[in-house]
Amino acid sequence: EKDAKLLISLAQSIMTDVEGSKVVVNLIPFNDIGHPTYRTPSMEKVLGFQKIITDGGVLCYVRTTRGDEENAACGQLATSRSK
């Protein structure tokens, strides 16, 4: 919730400071690549995050994840290799 509110604040600042600007947030859930720290969030959490942002007056979409088969996310690629 804290991160969503920070994002709302940033978006509102941009819309206030830059005349005629609009901000759209695209949420792209993290693709699980087996990293020990980062995991794919549940859709419930993603939609909850989206709701906080839209309730804050910022247009927000949840994007479809792609690249699961290649372990790709947002332009980042990871490879699985055995040692």
PDB file of N, CA and C in Angstrom:
ATOM      1  N   GLU A   1       0.832  -1.195   0.000  1.00  0.00           N
ATOM      2  CA  GLU A   1       0.000   0.000   0.000  1.00  0.00           C
ATOM      3  C   GLU A   1       0.873   1.254   0.000  1.00  0.00           C
ATOM      4  N   LYS A   2       1.973   1.212   0.741  1.00  0.00           N
ATOM      5  CA  LYS A   2       2.869   2.363   0.802  1.00  0.00           C
ATOM      6  C   LYS A   2       3.429   2.698  -0.587  1.00  0.00           C
ATOM      7  N   ASP A   3       3.829   1.664  -1.336  1.00  0.00           N
ATOM      8  CA  ASP A   3       4.372   1.886  -2.679  1.00  0.00           C
ATOM      9  C   ASP A   3       3.314   2.455  -3.619  1.00  0.00           C
ATOM     10  N   ALA A   4       2.075   1.976  -3.505  1.00  0.00           N
ATOM     11  CA  ALA A   4       0.994   2.483  -4.350  1.00  0.00           C
ATOM     12  C   ALA A   4       0.740   3.958  -4.059  1.00  0.00           C
ATOM     13  N   LYS A   5       0.742   4.333  -2.798  1.00  0.00           N
ATOM     14  CA  LYS A   5       0.500   5.734  -2.436  1.00  0.00           C
ATOM     15  C   LYS A   5       1.646   6.635  -2.902  1.00  0.00           C
ATOM     16  N   LEU A   6       2.865   6.125  -2.861  1.00  0.00           N
ATOM     17  CA  LEU A   6       4.004   6.878  -3.370  1.00  0.00           C
ATOM     18  C   LEU A   6       3.876   7.089  -4.881  1.00  0.00           C
ATOM     19  N   LEU A   7       3.434   6.060  -5.583  1.00  0.00           N
ATOM     20  CA  LEU A   7       3.225   6.153  -7.027  1.00  0.00           C
ATOM     21  C   LEU A   7       2.124   7.166  -7.359  1.00  0.00           C
ATOM     22  N   ILE A   8       1.053   7.158  -6.578  1.00  0.00           N
ATOM     23  CA  ILE A   8      -0.038   8.127  -6.763  1.00  0.00           C
ATOM     24  C   ILE A   8       0.500   9.547  -6.584  1.00  0.00           C
ATOM     25  N   SER A   9       1.275   9.751  -5.550  1.00  0.00           N
ATOM     26  CA  SER A   9       1.844  11.069  -5.271  1.00  0.00           C
ATOM     27  C   SER A   9       2.718  11.543  -6.425  1.00  0.00           C
ATOM     28  N   LEU A  10       3.549  10.673  -6.946  1.00  0.00           N
ATOM     29  CA  LEU A  10       4.408  11.012  -8.073  1.00  0.00           C
ATOM     30  C   LEU A  10       3.576  11.367  -9.302  1.00  0.00           C
ATOM     31  N   ALA A  11       2.585  10.539  -9.610  1.00  0.00           N
ATOM     32  CA  ALA A  11       1.733  10.780 -10.777  1.00  0.00           C
ATOM     33  C   ALA A  11       0.979  12.094 -10.642  1.00  0.00           C
ATOM     34  N   GLN A  12       0.443  12.365  -9.468  1.00  0.00           N
ATOM     35  CA  GLN A  12      -0.298  13.610  -9.257  1.00  0.00           C
ATOM     36  C   GLN A  12       0.615  14.818  -9.369  1.00  0.00           C
ATOM     37  N   SER A  13       1.847  14.697  -8.898  1.00  0.00           N
ATOM     38  CA  SER A  13       2.816  15.786  -9.020  1.00  0.00           C
ATOM     39  C   SER A  13       3.096  16.095 -10.485  1.00  0.00           C
ATOM     40  N   ILE A  14       3.274  15.053 -11.287  1.00  0.00           N
ATOM     41  CA  ILE A  14       3.528  15.248 -12.714  1.00  0.00           C
ATOM     42  C   ILE A  14       2.339  15.935 -13.371  1.00  0.00           C
ATOM     43  N   MET A  15       1.126  15.452 -13.066  1.00  0.00           N
ATOM     44  CA  MET A  15      -0.072  16.033 -13.683  1.00  0.00           C
ATOM     45  C   MET A  15      -0.280  17.483 -13.256  1.00  0.00           C
ATOM     46  N   THR A  16       0.138  17.822 -12.044  1.00  0.00           N
ATOM     47  CA  THR A  16       0.000  19.193 -11.548  1.00  0.00           C
ATOM     48  C   THR A  16       1.077  20.100 -12.137  1.00  0.00           C
ATOM     49  N   ASP A  17       2.306  19.619 -12.177  1.00  0.00           N
ATOM     50  CA  ASP A  17       3.441  20.439 -12.604  1.00  0.00           C
ATOM     51  C   ASP A  17       3.562  20.595 -14.113  1.00  0.00           C
ATOM     52  N   VAL A  18       3.092  19.619 -14.866  1.00  0.00           N
ATOM     53  CA  VAL A  18       3.216  19.654 -16.324  1.00  0.00           C
ATOM     54  C   VAL A  18       1.825  19.853 -16.914  1.00  0.00           C
ATOM     55  N   GLU A  19       1.559  21.076 -17.321  1.00  0.00           N
ATOM     56  CA  GLU A  19       0.238  21.436 -17.823  1.00  0.00           C
ATOM     57  C   GLU A  19      -0.191  20.542 -18.984  1.00  0.00           C
ATOM     58  N   GLY A  20      -1.389  20.042 -18.903  1.00  0.00           N
ATOM     59  CA  GLY A  20      -1.954  19.209 -19.965  1.00  0.00           C
ATOM     60  C   GLY A  20      -1.479  17.763 -19.956  1.00  0.00           C
ATOM     61  N   SER A  21      -0.676  17.392 -18.975  1.00  0.00           N
ATOM     62  CA  SER A  21      -0.165  16.019 -18.961  1.00  0.00           C
ATOM     63  C   SER A  21      -1.171  15.056 -18.347  1.00  0.00           C
ATOM     64  N   LYS A  22      -1.077  13.826 -18.776  1.00  0.00           N
ATOM     65  CA  LYS A  22      -1.866  12.736 -18.212  1.00  0.00           C
ATOM     66  C   LYS A  22      -0.893  11.620 -17.874  1.00  0.00           C
ATOM     67  N   VAL A  23      -1.173  10.909 -16.818  1.00  0.00           N
ATOM     68  CA  VAL A  23      -0.315   9.802 -16.416  1.00  0.00           C
ATOM     69  C   VAL A  23      -1.137   8.523 -16.450  1.00  0.00           C
ATOM     70  N   VAL A  24      -0.575   7.512 -17.077  1.00  0.00           N
ATOM     71  CA  VAL A  24      -1.177   6.179 -17.100  1.00  0.00           C
ATOM     72  C   VAL A  24      -0.141   5.215 -16.543  1.00  0.00           C
ATOM     73  N   VAL A  25      -0.553   4.405 -15.593  1.00  0.00           N
ATOM     74  CA  VAL A  25       0.336   3.407 -15.002  1.00  0.00           C
ATOM     75  C   VAL A  25      -0.011   2.054 -15.601  1.00  0.00           C
ATOM     76  N   ASN A  26       1.000   1.365 -16.086  1.00  0.00           N
ATOM     77  CA  ASN A  26       0.854  -0.002 -16.577  1.00  0.00           C
ATOM     78  C   ASN A  26       1.534  -0.938 -15.588  1.00  0.00           C
ATOM     79  N   LEU A  27       0.752  -1.779 -14.949  1.00  0.00           N
ATOM     80  CA  LEU A  27       1.310  -2.772 -14.027  1.00  0.00           C
ATOM     81  C   LEU A  27       1.600  -4.045 -14.801  1.00  0.00           C
ATOM     82  N   ILE A  28       2.822  -4.513 -14.699  1.00  0.00           N
ATOM     83  CA  ILE A  28       3.213  -5.761 -15.348  1.00  0.00           C
ATOM     84  C   ILE A  28       3.716  -6.697 -14.245  1.00  0.00           C
ATOM     85  N   PRO A  29       2.932  -7.715 -13.902  1.00  0.00           N
ATOM     86  CA  PRO A  29       3.368  -8.629 -12.846  1.00  0.00           C
ATOM     87  C   PRO A  29       4.706  -9.287 -13.189  1.00  0.00           C
ATOM     88  N   PHE A  30       5.529  -9.434 -12.186  1.00  0.00           N
ATOM     89  CA  PHE A  30       6.850 -10.032 -12.330  1.00  0.00           C
ATOM     90  C   PHE A  30       6.723 -11.485 -12.765  1.00  0.00           C
ATOM     91  N   ASN A  31       7.496 -11.883 -13.771  1.00  0.00           N
ATOM     92  CA  ASN A  31       7.553 -13.285 -14.187  1.00  0.00           C
ATOM     93  C   ASN A  31       8.518 -14.023 -13.273  1.00  0.00           C
ATOM     94  N   ASP A  32       8.059 -15.102 -12.682  1.00  0.00           N
ATOM     95  CA  ASP A  32       8.903 -15.882 -11.779  1.00  0.00           C
ATOM     96  C   ASP A  32       9.990 -16.585 -12.581  1.00  0.00           C
ATOM     97  N   ILE A  33      11.237 -16.230 -12.286  1.00  0.00           N
ATOM     98  CA  ILE A  33      12.372 -16.854 -12.970  1.00  0.00           C
ATOM     99  C   ILE A  33      13.194 -17.700 -11.998  1.00  0.00           C
ATOM    100  N   GLY A  34      12.591 -17.994 -10.850  1.00  0.00           N
ATOM    101  CA  GLY A  34      13.266 -18.839  -9.874  1.00  0.00           C
ATOM    102  C   GLY A  34      14.219 -18.082  -8.965  1.00  0.00           C
ATOM    103  N   HIS A  35      14.148 -16.773  -8.953  1.00  0.00           N
ATOM    104  CA  HIS A  35      15.001 -15.967  -8.074  1.00  0.00           C
ATOM    105  C   HIS A  35      14.530 -16.180  -6.642  1.00  0.00           C
ATOM    106  N   PRO A  36      15.460 -16.368  -5.699  1.00  0.00           N
ATOM    107  CA  PRO A  36      15.052 -16.675  -4.330  1.00  0.00           C
ATOM    108  C   PRO A  36      14.326 -15.537  -3.609  1.00  0.00           C
ATOM    109  N   THR A  37      14.488 -14.302  -4.059  1.00  0.00           N
ATOM    110  CA  THR A  37      13.883 -13.156  -3.379  1.00  0.00           C
ATOM    111  C   THR A  37      12.574 -12.705  -4.011  1.00  0.00           C
ATOM    112  N   TYR A  38      12.472 -12.765  -5.327  1.00  0.00           N
ATOM    113  CA  TYR A  38      11.317 -12.215  -6.031  1.00  0.00           C
ATOM    114  C   TYR A  38      10.415 -13.318  -6.546  1.00  0.00           C
ATOM    115  N   ARG A  39       9.123 -13.150  -6.330  1.00  0.00           N
ATOM    116  CA  ARG A  39       8.121 -14.117  -6.779  1.00  0.00           C
ATOM    117  C   ARG A  39       6.988 -13.381  -7.492  1.00  0.00           C
ATOM    118  N   THR A  40       6.283 -14.096  -8.354  1.00  0.00           N
ATOM    119  CA  THR A  40       5.123 -13.537  -9.027  1.00  0.00           C
ATOM    120  C   THR A  40       4.039 -13.265  -7.995  1.00  0.00           C
ATOM    121  N   PRO A  41       3.491 -12.039  -7.981  1.00  0.00           N
ATOM    122  CA  PRO A  41       2.414 -11.747  -7.021  1.00  0.00           C
ATOM    123  C   PRO A  41       1.126 -12.428  -7.447  1.00  0.00           C
ATOM    124  N   SER A  42       0.256 -12.666  -6.491  1.00  0.00           N
ATOM    125  CA  SER A  42      -1.051 -13.229  -6.835  1.00  0.00           C
ATOM    126  C   SER A  42      -1.857 -12.165  -7.577  1.00  0.00           C
ATOM    127  N   MET A  43      -2.797 -12.600  -8.393  1.00  0.00           N
ATOM    128  CA  MET A  43      -3.638 -11.653  -9.119  1.00  0.00           C
ATOM    129  C   MET A  43      -4.436 -10.800  -8.140  1.00  0.00           C
ATOM    130  N   GLU A  44      -4.785 -11.370  -7.000  1.00  0.00           N
ATOM    131  CA  GLU A  44      -5.496 -10.616  -5.962  1.00  0.00           C
ATOM    132  C   GLU A  44      -4.663  -9.415  -5.498  1.00  0.00           C
ATOM    133  N   LYS A  45      -3.362  -9.629  -5.290  1.00  0.00           N
ATOM    134  CA  LYS A  45      -2.484  -8.535  -4.865  1.00  0.00           C
ATOM    135  C   LYS A  45      -2.314  -7.500  -5.967  1.00  0.00           C
ATOM    136  N   VAL A  46      -2.171  -7.966  -7.203  1.00  0.00           N
ATOM    137  CA  VAL A  46      -2.018  -7.041  -8.332  1.00  0.00           C
ATOM    138  C   VAL A  46      -3.265  -6.165  -8.459  1.00  0.00           C
ATOM    139  N   LEU A  47      -4.439  -6.778  -8.395  1.00  0.00           N
ATOM    140  CA  LEU A  47      -5.685  -6.019  -8.527  1.00  0.00           C
ATOM    141  C   LEU A  47      -5.905  -5.084  -7.338  1.00  0.00           C
ATOM    142  N   GLY A  48      -5.466  -5.492  -6.152  1.00  0.00           N
ATOM    143  CA  GLY A  48      -5.550  -4.628  -4.986  1.00  0.00           C
ATOM    144  C   GLY A  48      -4.665  -3.400  -5.145  1.00  0.00           C
ATOM    145  N   PHE A  49      -3.455  -3.596  -5.675  1.00  0.00           N
ATOM    146  CA  PHE A  49      -2.531  -2.494  -5.937  1.00  0.00           C
ATOM    147  C   PHE A  49      -3.140  -1.550  -6.977  1.00  0.00           C
ATOM    148  N   GLN A  50      -3.716  -2.139  -8.024  1.00  0.00           N
ATOM    149  CA  GLN A  50      -4.374  -1.339  -9.068  1.00  0.00           C
ATOM    150  C   GLN A  50      -5.515  -0.512  -8.474  1.00  0.00           C
ATOM    151  N   LYS A  51      -6.306  -1.092  -7.603  1.00  0.00           N
ATOM    152  CA  LYS A  51      -7.443  -0.393  -7.011  1.00  0.00           C
ATOM    153  C   LYS A  51      -6.985   0.812  -6.189  1.00  0.00           C
ATOM    154  N   ILE A  52      -5.921   0.651  -5.433  1.00  0.00           N
ATOM    155  CA  ILE A  52      -5.397   1.770  -4.644  1.00  0.00           C
ATOM    156  C   ILE A  52      -4.997   2.913  -5.581  1.00  0.00           C
ATOM    157  N   ILE A  53      -4.341   2.573  -6.673  1.00  0.00           N
ATOM    158  CA  ILE A  53      -3.889   3.600  -7.618  1.00  0.00           C
ATOM    159  C   ILE A  53      -5.072   4.289  -8.292  1.00  0.00           C
ATOM    160  N   THR A  54      -6.041   3.509  -8.782  1.00  0.00           N
ATOM    161  CA  THR A  54      -7.186   4.123  -9.449  1.00  0.00           C
ATOM    162  C   THR A  54      -8.050   4.914  -8.468  1.00  0.00           C
ATOM    163  N   ASP A  55      -8.175   4.427  -7.240  1.00  0.00           N
ATOM    164  CA  ASP A  55      -8.908   5.180  -6.214  1.00  0.00           C
ATOM    165  C   ASP A  55      -8.214   6.508  -5.907  1.00  0.00           C
ATOM    166  N   GLY A  56      -6.902   6.572  -6.178  1.00  0.00           N
ATOM    167  CA  GLY A  56      -6.137   7.801  -5.984  1.00  0.00           C
ATOM    168  C   GLY A  56      -6.220   8.748  -7.164  1.00  0.00           C
ATOM    169  N   GLY A  57      -7.035   8.382  -8.172  1.00  0.00           N
ATOM    170  CA  GLY A  57      -7.262   9.276  -9.308  1.00  0.00           C
ATOM    171  C   GLY A  57      -6.291   9.104 -10.463  1.00  0.00           C
ATOM    172  N   VAL A  58      -5.564   7.995 -10.497  1.00  0.00           N
ATOM    173  CA  VAL A  58      -4.602   7.752 -11.566  1.00  0.00           C
ATOM    174  C   VAL A  58      -5.071   6.554 -12.394  1.00  0.00           C
ATOM    175  N   LEU A  59      -5.103   6.732 -13.711  1.00  0.00           N
ATOM    176  CA  LEU A  59      -5.501   5.654 -14.615  1.00  0.00           C
ATOM    177  C   LEU A  59      -4.461   4.544 -14.550  1.00  0.00           C
ATOM    178  N   CYS A  60      -4.909   3.314 -14.378  1.00  0.00           N
ATOM    179  CA  CYS A  60      -3.983   2.196 -14.171  1.00  0.00           C
ATOM    180  C   CYS A  60      -4.516   0.937 -14.844  1.00  0.00           C
ATOM    181  N   TYR A  61      -3.661   0.289 -15.628  1.00  0.00           N
ATOM    182  CA  TYR A  61      -4.004  -0.957 -16.305  1.00  0.00           C
ATOM    183  C   TYR A  61      -3.087  -2.077 -15.818  1.00  0.00           C
ATOM    184  N   VAL A  62      -3.616  -3.282 -15.794  1.00  0.00           N
ATOM    185  CA  VAL A  62      -2.794  -4.457 -15.528  1.00  0.00           C
ATOM    186  C   VAL A  62      -2.506  -5.088 -16.881  1.00  0.00           C
ATOM    187  N   ARG A  63      -1.248  -5.170 -17.219  1.00  0.00           N
ATOM    188  CA  ARG A  63      -0.837  -5.718 -18.507  1.00  0.00           C
ATOM    189  C   ARG A  63      -0.732  -7.237 -18.428  1.00  0.00           C
ATOM    190  N   THR A  64      -0.934  -7.875 -19.539  1.00  0.00           N
ATOM    191  CA  THR A  64      -0.793  -9.318 -19.634  1.00  0.00           C
ATOM    192  C   THR A  64       0.688  -9.663 -19.611  1.00  0.00           C
ATOM    193  N   THR A  65       1.041 -10.649 -18.812  1.00  0.00           N
ATOM    194  CA  THR A  65       2.448 -11.061 -18.790  1.00  0.00           C
ATOM    195  C   THR A  65       2.730 -11.894 -20.029  1.00  0.00           C
ATOM    196  N   ARG A  66       3.925 -11.717 -20.529  1.00  0.00           N
ATOM    197  CA  ARG A  66       4.393 -12.491 -21.680  1.00  0.00           C
ATOM    198  C   ARG A  66       5.836 -12.864 -21.410  1.00  0.00           C
ATOM    199  N   GLY A  67       6.308 -13.861 -22.076  1.00  0.00           N
ATOM    200  CA  GLY A  67       7.703 -14.239 -21.928  1.00  0.00           C
ATOM    201  C   GLY A  67       7.973 -15.227 -20.816  1.00  0.00           C
ATOM    202  N   ASP A  68       6.910 -15.802 -20.260  1.00  0.00           N
ATOM    203  CA  ASP A  68       7.108 -16.771 -19.172  1.00  0.00           C
ATOM    204  C   ASP A  68       8.013 -17.939 -19.599  1.00  0.00           C
ATOM    205  N   GLU A  69       7.830 -18.374 -20.844  1.00  0.00           N
ATOM    206  CA  GLU A  69       8.591 -19.529 -21.316  1.00  0.00           C
ATOM    207  C   GLU A  69      10.075 -19.214 -21.436  1.00  0.00           C
ATOM    208  N   GLU A  70      10.412 -17.963 -21.735  1.00  0.00           N
ATOM    209  CA  GLU A  70      11.803 -17.571 -21.928  1.00  0.00           C
ATOM    210  C   GLU A  70      12.411 -16.978 -20.663  1.00  0.00           C
ATOM    211  N   ASN A  71      11.657 -16.986 -19.550  1.00  0.00           N
ATOM    212  CA  ASN A  71      12.109 -16.337 -18.321  1.00  0.00           C
ATOM    213  C   ASN A  71      12.408 -14.866 -18.569  1.00  0.00           C
ATOM    214  N   ALA A  72      11.542 -14.214 -19.321  1.00  0.00           N
ATOM    215  CA  ALA A  72      11.737 -12.808 -19.665  1.00  0.00           C
ATOM    216  C   ALA A  72      10.713 -11.954 -18.939  1.00  0.00           C
ATOM    217  N   ALA A  73      11.136 -10.743 -18.581  1.00  0.00           N
ATOM    218  CA  ALA A  73      10.223  -9.790 -17.951  1.00  0.00           C
ATOM    219  C   ALA A  73      10.753  -8.392 -18.182  1.00  0.00           C
ATOM    220  N   CYS A  74       9.946  -7.548 -18.767  1.00  0.00           N
ATOM    221  CA  CYS A  74      10.296  -6.136 -18.940  1.00  0.00           C
ATOM    222  C   CYS A  74      11.673  -5.946 -19.557  1.00  0.00           C
ATOM    223  N   GLY A  75      11.983  -6.710 -20.582  1.00  0.00           N
ATOM    224  CA  GLY A  75      13.251  -6.550 -21.254  1.00  0.00           C
ATOM    225  C   GLY A  75      14.416  -7.257 -20.595  1.00  0.00           C
ATOM    226  N   GLN A  76      14.153  -7.982 -19.525  1.00  0.00           N
ATOM    227  CA  GLN A  76      15.223  -8.698 -18.849  1.00  0.00           C
ATOM    228  C   GLN A  76      15.103 -10.180 -19.172  1.00  0.00           C
ATOM    229  N   LEU A  77      16.200 -10.776 -19.492  1.00  0.00           N
ATOM    230  CA  LEU A  77      16.199 -12.204 -19.792  1.00  0.00           C
ATOM    231  C   LEU A  77      17.044 -12.933 -18.753  1.00  0.00           C
ATOM    232  N   ALA A  78      16.618 -14.094 -18.410  1.00  0.00           N
ATOM    233  CA  ALA A  78      17.389 -14.937 -17.504  1.00  0.00           C
ATOM    234  C   ALA A  78      17.488 -16.306 -18.138  1.00  0.00           C
ATOM    235  N   THR A  79      18.582 -16.926 -17.952  1.00  0.00           N
ATOM    236  CA  THR A  79      18.738 -18.262 -18.510  1.00  0.00           C
ATOM    237  C   THR A  79      18.921 -19.256 -17.371  1.00  0.00           C
ATOM    238  N   SER A  80      18.429 -20.436 -17.618  1.00  0.00           N
ATOM    239  CA  SER A  80      18.610 -21.521 -16.656  1.00  0.00           C
ATOM    240  C   SER A  80      19.710 -22.406 -17.206  1.00  0.00           C
ATOM    241  N   ARG A  81      20.747 -22.573 -16.432  1.00  0.00           N
ATOM    242  CA  ARG A  81      21.805 -23.478 -16.889  1.00  0.00           C
ATOM    243  C   ARG A  81      22.280 -24.317 -15.722  1.00  0.00           C
ATOM    244  N   SER A  82      22.601 -25.521 -16.032  1.00  0.00           N
ATOM    245  CA  SER A  82      23.062 -26.407 -14.971  1.00  0.00           C
ATOM    246  C   SER A  82      24.566 -26.261 -14.829  1.00  0.00           C
ATOM    247  N   LYS A  83      25.014 -26.428 -13.597  1.00  0.00           N
ATOM    248  CA  LYS A  83      26.452 -26.296 -13.330  1.00  0.00           C
ATOM    249  C   LYS A  83      27.080 -27.648 -13.188  1.00  0.00           C
TER     250      LYS A  83
END
